[in-house]
């Protein structure tokens, strides 16, 4: 029973942990996807509604207006979102190996993601990454240059707005091609609090499970002792007495279960032995 108890705890505990872990990952993933779609909505709105209004201003004025750039707008909106203390640890990044704004410069991990998107043409990647602040869950999607208007700023410095060149220079952010994957949109979601909650739930549930198993084992032990073991021990003592020649010892059990039937069989056997012994003793006398 102890062995069954240990195996049961190990199997149920590991199964429950995997279920909690999958649930936590699904929760983190859903948060990241909502943020990703929100950011893309801001990006599309800027591209479709804001950029046309500010296009002439970009070409004529010497001061660059970054609000006309979808990536800038998306990042700034996300920064407002991060002012909420509950979301201060969330990170959004248009990680590019060759960005216009060096703020979007991809690190080694992000550059690898961009190359994987370029080679595999997959639509999404997700997983875990370790930061100094702790473990985070990330969702990444490829970002491709799909609109011809974007090439005005990213194809060749000679045709880019002068205000853009004044702000960012001519050494990076150019040479992009239409429909080329140039970056990875990445949302990082902190997962330490969620997994702390998962571990807490796991410990509580496992404690309840162990307590329940212990109570069940204790009750089964008492039940077996009273209904089986003690009765069998009594039968064994009577059988020992009969084997030593004490025919006055009787197998006593009034129950109608299997052990009761066994007692009836032993009593019949004892009676048969008594008859056989009397016959044997009578023959010896004769």
Protein backbone atom coordinates (compact mmCIF):
# COMPACT_ATOMS: atom_id res chain seq x y z
CA UNK A 1 0.00 0.00 0.00
CA UNK A 2 2.88 2.34 0.73
CA UNK A 3 4.38 1.60 -2.69
CA UNK A 4 1.01 2.23 -4.38
CA UNK A 5 0.68 5.44 -2.36
CA UNK A 6 4.10 6.72 -3.49
CA UNK A 7 3.51 5.79 -7.14
CA UNK A 8 0.07 7.40 -7.06
CA UNK A 9 1.44 10.65 -5.63
CA UNK A 10 4.26 10.79 -8.20
CA UNK A 11 1.96 10.14 -11.16
CA UNK A 12 -0.82 12.47 -10.06
CA UNK A 13 1.64 15.19 -9.03
CA UNK A 14 3.52 15.14 -12.34
CA UNK A 15 0.27 15.11 -14.33
CA UNK A 16 -1.15 17.99 -12.34
CA UNK A 17 2.08 20.00 -12.69
CA UNK A 18 2.06 19.60 -16.48
CA UNK A 19 -1.57 20.70 -16.58
CA UNK A 20 -0.84 23.81 -14.50
CA UNK A 21 2.23 24.60 -16.60
CA UNK A 22 0.24 24.36 -19.84
CA UNK A 23 -2.48 26.55 -18.38
CA UNK A 24 0.07 29.18 -17.31
CA UNK A 25 1.67 29.18 -20.76
CA UNK A 26 -1.74 29.56 -22.39
CA UNK A 27 -2.53 32.51 -20.10
CA UNK A 28 0.76 34.24 -20.88
CA UNK A 29 0.36 33.53 -24.59
CA UNK A 30 -3.13 35.04 -24.69
CA UNK A 31 -1.88 38.24 -23.05
CA UNK A 32 0.96 38.54 -25.54
CA UNK A 33 -1.34 37.97 -28.52
CA UNK A 34 -3.78 40.66 -27.34
CA UNK A 35 -0.91 43.13 -27.02
CA UNK A 36 0.45 42.16 -30.43
CA UNK A 37 -2.91 42.72 -32.13
CA UNK A 38 -3.39 46.05 -30.33
CA UNK A 39 0.02 47.27 -31.43
CA UNK A 40 -0.64 46.26 -35.02
CA UNK A 41 -3.96 48.11 -34.92
CA UNK A 42 -2.11 51.29 -33.89
CA UNK A 43 0.46 50.69 -36.61
CA UNK A 44 -2.18 50.24 -39.32
CA UNK A 45 -4.10 53.31 -38.17
CA UNK A 46 -0.95 55.42 -38.34
CA UNK A 47 -0.07 54.05 -41.78
CA UNK A 48 -3.56 54.57 -43.23
CA UNK A 49 -4.76 57.73 -41.50
CA UNK A 50 -1.89 59.69 -39.95
CA UNK A 51 0.89 59.21 -42.48
CA UNK A 52 -1.07 60.67 -45.44
CA UNK A 53 -1.87 63.79 -43.39
CA UNK A 54 1.77 64.38 -42.48
CA UNK A 55 3.41 63.27 -45.74
CA UNK A 56 3.70 66.77 -47.18
CA UNK A 57 5.10 68.05 -43.92
CA UNK A 58 7.82 65.38 -44.00
CA UNK A 59 8.93 66.48 -47.46
CA UNK A 60 8.91 70.26 -46.90
CA UNK A 61 9.92 70.88 -43.30
CA UNK A 62 13.43 70.49 -42.01
CA UNK A 63 12.30 69.02 -38.70
CA UNK A 64 11.31 65.37 -38.90
CA UNK A 65 7.88 64.38 -37.54
CA UNK A 66 8.27 60.84 -36.14
CA UNK A 67 4.54 60.52 -35.36
CA UNK A 68 4.01 59.78 -39.07
CA UNK A 69 6.00 56.55 -38.76
CA UNK A 70 3.88 53.51 -37.79
CA UNK A 71 6.65 51.88 -35.78
CA UNK A 72 7.23 55.05 -33.76
CA UNK A 73 3.52 55.43 -33.01
CA UNK A 74 3.17 51.79 -31.97
CA UNK A 75 6.15 52.02 -29.65
CA UNK A 76 5.00 55.29 -28.07
CA UNK A 77 1.48 53.94 -27.45
CA UNK A 78 3.03 50.89 -25.82
CA UNK A 79 5.12 53.12 -23.56
CA UNK A 80 1.92 54.79 -22.37
CA UNK A 81 0.56 51.31 -21.72
CA UNK A 82 3.65 50.47 -19.63
CA UNK A 83 3.01 53.43 -17.32
CA UNK A 84 0.46 51.21 -15.62
CA UNK A 85 2.50 49.54 -12.80
CA UNK A 86 0.86 46.18 -13.55
CA UNK A 87 2.37 46.20 -17.06
CA UNK A 88 5.65 48.00 -16.44
CA UNK A 89 7.68 44.85 -17.12
CA UNK A 90 6.08 44.13 -20.51
CA UNK A 91 8.27 44.83 -23.54
CA UNK A 92 7.45 45.44 -27.19
CA UNK A 93 10.08 45.72 -29.88
CA UNK A 94 10.29 45.89 -33.65
CA UNK A 95 13.65 44.17 -33.60
CA UNK A 96 15.56 44.80 -36.84
CA UNK A 97 19.18 43.95 -37.74
CA UNK A 98 19.29 47.17 -39.81
CA UNK A 99 16.86 49.64 -38.19
CA UNK A 100 16.34 53.30 -39.00
CA UNK A 101 16.03 54.09 -35.31
CA UNK A 102 18.81 52.41 -33.30
CA UNK A 103 16.31 51.97 -30.51
CA UNK A 104 14.98 49.06 -32.58
CA UNK A 105 18.39 47.41 -32.98
CA UNK A 106 18.00 43.63 -32.64
CA UNK A 107 20.25 41.81 -30.19
CA UNK A 108 21.81 38.42 -30.96
CA UNK A 109 18.72 36.45 -29.94
CA UNK A 110 16.37 38.69 -31.94
CA UNK A 111 18.63 38.70 -34.99
CA UNK A 112 18.50 34.92 -34.97
CA UNK A 113 14.70 35.09 -34.95
CA UNK A 114 14.69 37.42 -37.96
CA UNK A 115 16.97 35.05 -39.89
CA UNK A 116 14.73 32.11 -39.02
CA UNK A 117 11.71 34.02 -40.33
CA UNK A 118 13.60 34.86 -43.51
CA UNK A 119 14.64 31.24 -44.07
CA UNK A 120 11.55 29.37 -42.93
CA UNK A 121 8.78 31.85 -43.72
CA UNK A 122 6.91 30.81 -40.56
CA UNK A 123 4.15 33.09 -39.30
CA UNK A 124 4.89 33.00 -35.58
CA UNK A 125 7.38 31.80 -32.99
CA UNK A 126 7.03 31.69 -29.23
CA UNK A 127 8.95 30.38 -26.27
CA UNK A 128 10.86 31.34 -23.16
CA UNK A 129 13.82 33.62 -22.68
CA UNK A 130 15.88 34.50 -19.62
CA UNK A 131 16.43 38.17 -18.80
CA UNK A 132 18.25 39.61 -15.82
CA UNK A 133 14.82 40.44 -14.35
CA UNK A 134 13.68 36.85 -14.69
CA UNK A 135 12.11 34.43 -17.11
CA UNK A 136 9.86 35.91 -19.82
CA UNK A 137 7.57 34.47 -22.45
CA UNK A 138 7.88 35.89 -25.96
CA UNK A 139 5.76 35.86 -29.08
CA UNK A 140 7.41 36.94 -32.32
CA UNK A 141 6.02 37.54 -35.79
CA UNK A 142 7.85 38.46 -38.99
CA UNK A 143 7.60 42.04 -40.17
CA UNK A 144 7.83 42.44 -43.92
CA UNK A 145 7.90 45.61 -46.02
CA UNK A 146 4.61 45.25 -47.88
CA UNK A 147 3.78 48.83 -48.91
CA UNK A 148 5.50 50.72 -51.70
CA UNK A 149 5.31 53.97 -49.76
CA UNK A 150 7.68 52.58 -47.13
CA UNK A 151 10.48 52.40 -49.70
CA UNK A 152 10.57 56.21 -49.86
CA UNK A 153 12.20 56.19 -46.44
CA UNK A 154 14.07 52.88 -46.46
CA UNK A 155 15.26 52.04 -49.97
CA UNK A 156 17.82 54.73 -50.85
CA UNK A 157 19.01 57.81 -48.95
CA UNK A 158 18.84 59.84 -52.17
CA UNK A 159 15.02 59.69 -52.26
CA UNK A 160 14.37 59.79 -48.51
CA UNK A 161 12.91 62.96 -46.92
CA UNK A 162 15.63 65.38 -45.87
CA UNK A 163 14.16 65.75 -42.42
CA UNK A 164 14.51 61.98 -41.98
CA UNK A 165 18.18 62.07 -43.00
CA UNK A 166 18.83 64.96 -40.63
CA UNK A 167 17.39 62.99 -37.72
CA UNK A 168 18.70 59.48 -38.38
CA UNK A 169 21.57 59.89 -40.83
CA UNK A 170 22.32 57.73 -43.88
CA UNK A 171 24.32 54.85 -42.40
CA UNK A 172 21.50 52.55 -41.34
CA UNK A 173 17.89 51.78 -42.08
CA UNK A 174 18.29 51.70 -45.88
CA UNK A 175 18.56 49.01 -48.52
CA UNK A 176 15.20 47.45 -47.61
CA UNK A 177 13.25 45.73 -50.40
CA UNK A 178 9.56 45.25 -51.01
CA UNK A 179 8.10 42.10 -49.36
CA UNK A 180 11.39 41.46 -47.59
CA UNK A 181 11.28 40.41 -43.92
CA UNK A 182 13.30 43.15 -42.26
CA UNK A 183 12.36 42.76 -38.59
CA UNK A 184 10.58 40.68 -35.98
CA UNK A 185 7.71 42.05 -33.96
CA UNK A 186 8.28 40.74 -30.46
CA UNK A 187 6.22 41.03 -27.28
CA UNK A 188 7.90 39.95 -24.04
CA UNK A 189 5.57 39.06 -21.17
CA UNK A 190 7.02 38.53 -17.66
CA UNK A 191 6.08 35.10 -16.35
CA UNK A 192 7.65 34.93 -12.90
CA UNK A 193 4.50 36.05 -11.06
CA UNK A 194 2.34 33.62 -13.01
CA UNK A 195 4.67 30.70 -12.35
CA UNK A 196 4.95 31.67 -8.69
CA UNK A 197 1.18 31.44 -8.53
CA UNK A 198 1.32 28.08 -10.35
CA UNK A 199 3.87 26.72 -7.88
CA UNK A 200 1.76 27.97 -4.96
CA UNK A 201 -1.34 26.25 -6.36
CA UNK A 202 0.67 23.09 -7.02
CA UNK A 203 1.99 22.93 -3.45
CA UNK A 204 -1.48 23.49 -1.95
CA UNK A 205 -3.15 20.95 -4.23
CA UNK A 206 -0.40 18.39 -3.75
CA UNK A 207 -0.67 18.86 0.01
CA UNK A 208 -4.42 18.22 -0.14
CA UNK A 209 -3.79 15.20 -2.37
CA UNK A 210 -1.20 13.73 -0.01
CA UNK A 211 -3.48 14.36 2.98
CA UNK A 212 -6.37 12.64 1.19
CA UNK A 213 -4.19 9.65 0.29
CA UNK A 214 -2.96 9.36 3.88
CA UNK A 215 -6.50 9.41 5.25
CA UNK A 216 -7.58 6.79 2.69
CA UNK A 217 -4.60 4.54 3.51
CA UNK A 218 -5.26 4.94 7.25
CA UNK A 219 -8.95 4.05 6.87
CA UNK A 220 -8.18 1.10 4.57
CA UNK A 221 -5.60 -0.12 7.08
CA UNK A 222 -8.14 -0.01 9.93
CA UNK A 223 -10.79 -1.66 7.76
CA UNK A 224 -8.44 -4.46 6.69
CA UNK A 225 -7.26 -5.02 10.24
CA UNK A 226 -10.79 -5.33 11.64
CA UNK A 227 -12.48 -7.18 8.81
CA UNK A 228 -9.68 -9.42 7.56
CA UNK A 229 -6.42 -9.56 9.51
CA UNK A 230 -7.79 -9.95 13.04
CA UNK A 231 -10.27 -12.60 11.93
CA UNK A 232 -7.60 -14.54 10.03
CA UNK A 233 -5.27 -14.32 13.06
CA UNK A 234 -8.04 -15.82 15.21
CA UNK A 235 -8.53 -18.64 12.70
CA UNK A 236 -4.77 -19.25 12.66
CA UNK A 237 -4.62 -19.55 16.48
CA UNK A 238 -7.51 -21.99 16.47
CA UNK A 239 -5.87 -24.01 13.70
CA UNK A 240 -2.62 -24.19 15.74
CA UNK A 241 -4.56 -25.41 18.78
CA UNK A 242 -6.33 -28.08 16.72
CA UNK A 243 -3.01 -29.18 15.21
CA UNK A 244 -1.70 -29.78 18.73
CA UNK A 245 -4.66 -32.06 19.46
CA UNK A 246 -7.02 -29.62 21.18
CA UNK A 247 -10.30 -30.70 19.59
CA UNK A 248 -12.32 -28.52 21.96
CA UNK A 249 -11.13 -25.39 20.11
CA UNK A 250 -13.76 -24.19 17.65
CA UNK A 251 -13.45 -21.90 14.67
CA UNK A 252 -15.85 -19.08 15.56
CA UNK A 253 -17.16 -16.55 13.02
CA UNK A 254 -20.82 -15.84 12.39
CA UNK A 255 -20.42 -13.69 9.29
CA UNK A 256 -21.67 -14.80 5.89
CA UNK A 257 -18.73 -13.48 3.85
CA UNK A 258 -15.80 -15.43 2.42
CA UNK A 259 -14.00 -15.66 5.75
CA UNK A 260 -17.20 -16.91 7.37
CA UNK A 261 -17.46 -19.63 4.73
CA UNK A 262 -13.81 -20.49 5.40
CA UNK A 263 -14.59 -20.90 9.12
CA UNK A 264 -17.49 -23.24 8.28
CA UNK A 265 -15.17 -25.31 6.07
CA UNK A 266 -12.54 -25.49 8.85
CA UNK A 267 -15.13 -26.64 11.38
CA UNK A 268 -16.27 -29.39 8.98
CA UNK A 269 -12.67 -30.36 8.45
CA UNK A 270 -12.11 -30.47 12.22
CA UNK A 271 -15.19 -32.65 12.64
CA UNK A 272 -13.93 -34.98 9.94
CA UNK A 273 -10.55 -35.20 11.65
CA UNK A 274 -12.21 -35.98 15.00
CA UNK A 275 -14.25 -38.81 13.43
CA UNK A 276 -11.17 -40.15 11.68
CA UNK A 277 -9.14 -40.08 14.93
CA UNK A 278 -11.90 -41.89 16.89
CA UNK A 279 -12.08 -44.61 14.26
CA UNK A 280 -8.31 -44.93 14.30
CA UNK A 281 -8.18 -45.18 18.11
CA UNK A 282 -10.99 -47.79 18.12
CA UNK A 283 -9.16 -49.97 15.60
CA UNK A 284 -6.01 -49.79 17.72
CA UNK A 285 -7.95 -51.02 20.76
CA UNK A 286 -9.53 -53.82 18.79
